[in-house]
Amino acid sequence: MRERLIPVLRRARYAAIGAAVGAAIGGLFDRNAASTGGAIGGFVGALIADTRGTASNYLEDVKERTG
């Protein structure tokens, strides 16, 4: 159960950080830009979390094969 929960929480954390950064940057321009920036930042954060998890799994597989 814990192995399934960790990637979900990682994705949520990265999405929240991405949304905050995107909203902050968008907020420098306009209210609507803050909303859009938050949405895009959340999407990018979740994408980074998925990519990081996939890369970690790939690297573990390579380490097991070589050593």
C-alpha atoms as a PDB file:
ATOM      1  CA  MET A   1       0.000   0.000   0.000  1.00  0.00           C
ATOM      2  CA  ARG A   2       2.796   2.413   0.842  1.00  0.00           C
ATOM      3  CA  GLU A   3       4.458   1.813  -2.532  1.00  0.00           C
ATOM      4  CA  ARG A   4       1.273   2.935  -4.270  1.00  0.00           C
ATOM      5  CA  LEU A   5       0.780   5.942  -2.018  1.00  0.00           C
ATOM      6  CA  ILE A   6       4.253   7.481  -2.363  1.00  0.00           C
ATOM      7  CA  PRO A   7       3.995   8.306  -6.118  1.00  0.00           C
ATOM      8  CA  VAL A   8       0.551   9.824  -5.611  1.00  0.00           C
ATOM      9  CA  LEU A   9       1.776  12.065  -2.814  1.00  0.00           C
ATOM     10  CA  ARG A  10       4.885  12.999  -4.791  1.00  0.00           C
ATOM     11  CA  ARG A  11       2.725  13.983  -7.760  1.00  0.00           C
ATOM     12  CA  ALA A  12       0.448  16.060  -5.534  1.00  0.00           C
ATOM     13  CA  ARG A  13       3.394  17.820  -3.903  1.00  0.00           C
ATOM     14  CA  TYR A  14       5.051  18.703  -7.201  1.00  0.00           C
ATOM     15  CA  ALA A  15       1.726  19.840  -8.668  1.00  0.00           C
ATOM     16  CA  ALA A  16       1.087  22.104  -5.679  1.00  0.00           C
ATOM     17  CA  ILE A  17       4.557  23.627  -5.878  1.00  0.00           C
ATOM     18  CA  GLY A  18       4.198  24.109  -9.632  1.00  0.00           C
ATOM     19  CA  ALA A  19       0.789  25.726  -9.207  1.00  0.00           C
ATOM     20  CA  ALA A  20       2.129  28.119  -6.586  1.00  0.00           C
ATOM     21  CA  VAL A  21       5.078  29.150  -8.725  1.00  0.00           C
ATOM     22  CA  GLY A  22       2.923  29.506 -11.835  1.00  0.00           C
ATOM     23  CA  ALA A  23       0.323  31.593  -9.996  1.00  0.00           C
ATOM     24  CA  ALA A  24       3.015  33.817  -8.515  1.00  0.00           C
ATOM     25  CA  ILE A  25       4.560  34.476 -11.899  1.00  0.00           C
ATOM     26  CA  GLY A  26       1.172  35.003 -13.533  1.00  0.00           C
ATOM     27  CA  GLY A  27       0.108  37.279 -10.693  1.00  0.00           C
ATOM     28  CA  LEU A  28       2.816  39.711 -11.682  1.00  0.00           C
ATOM     29  CA  PHE A  29       0.811  40.443 -14.828  1.00  0.00           C
ATOM     30  CA  ASP A  30      -2.889  40.021 -14.167  1.00  0.00           C
ATOM     31  CA  ARG A  31      -5.502  38.171 -12.112  1.00  0.00           C
ATOM     32  CA  ASN A  32      -6.478  36.003 -15.051  1.00  0.00           C
ATOM     33  CA  ALA A  33      -2.847  35.288 -15.772  1.00  0.00           C
ATOM     34  CA  ALA A  34      -2.412  34.134 -12.175  1.00  0.00           C
ATOM     35  CA  SER A  35      -5.216  31.622 -12.623  1.00  0.00           C
ATOM     36  CA  THR A  36      -3.831  30.376 -15.920  1.00  0.00           C
ATOM     37  CA  GLY A  37      -0.300  30.270 -14.548  1.00  0.00           C
ATOM     38  CA  GLY A  38      -1.468  28.229 -11.575  1.00  0.00           C
ATOM     39  CA  ALA A  39      -3.197  25.707 -13.820  1.00  0.00           C
ATOM     40  CA  ILE A  40      -0.246  25.385 -16.159  1.00  0.00           C
ATOM     41  CA  GLY A  41       2.189  25.217 -13.243  1.00  0.00           C
ATOM     42  CA  GLY A  42       0.184  22.437 -11.629  1.00  0.00           C
ATOM     43  CA  PHE A  43       0.184  20.467 -14.861  1.00  0.00           C
ATOM     44  CA  VAL A  44       3.931  20.927 -15.328  1.00  0.00           C
ATOM     45  CA  GLY A  45       4.578  19.956 -11.708  1.00  0.00           C
ATOM     46  CA  ALA A  46       2.596  16.742 -12.070  1.00  0.00           C
ATOM     47  CA  LEU A  47       4.386  15.991 -15.330  1.00  0.00           C
ATOM     48  CA  ILE A  48       7.781  16.472 -13.679  1.00  0.00           C
ATOM     49  CA  ALA A  49       6.785  14.164 -10.813  1.00  0.00           C
ATOM     50  CA  ASP A  50       5.733  11.443 -13.262  1.00  0.00           C
ATOM     51  CA  THR A  51       8.918  11.836 -15.280  1.00  0.00           C
ATOM     52  CA  ARG A  52      11.052  11.729 -12.147  1.00  0.00           C
ATOM     53  CA  GLY A  53       9.322   8.569 -10.947  1.00  0.00           C
ATOM     54  CA  THR A  54       9.746   6.885 -14.322  1.00  0.00           C
ATOM     55  CA  ALA A  55      13.413   7.854 -14.516  1.00  0.00           C
ATOM     56  CA  SER A  56      14.040   6.556 -10.986  1.00  0.00           C
ATOM     57  CA  ASN A  57      12.483   3.209 -11.840  1.00  0.00           C
ATOM     58  CA  TYR A  58      14.519   3.000 -15.028  1.00  0.00           C
ATOM     59  CA  LEU A  59      17.766   3.743 -13.206  1.00  0.00           C
ATOM     60  CA  GLU A  60      17.006   1.104 -10.556  1.00  0.00           C
ATOM     61  CA  ASP A  61      16.420  -1.474 -13.291  1.00  0.00           C
ATOM     62  CA  VAL A  62      19.740  -0.612 -14.930  1.00  0.00           C
ATOM     63  CA  LYS A  63      21.593  -0.859 -11.605  1.00  0.00           C
ATOM     64  CA  GLU A  64      20.091  -4.301 -10.940  1.00  0.00           C
ATOM     65  CA  ARG A  65      21.142  -5.554 -14.377  1.00  0.00           C
ATOM     66  CA  THR A  66      24.731  -4.323 -14.159  1.00  0.00           C
ATOM     67  CA  GLY A  67      25.547  -5.113 -10.583  1.00  0.00           C
END
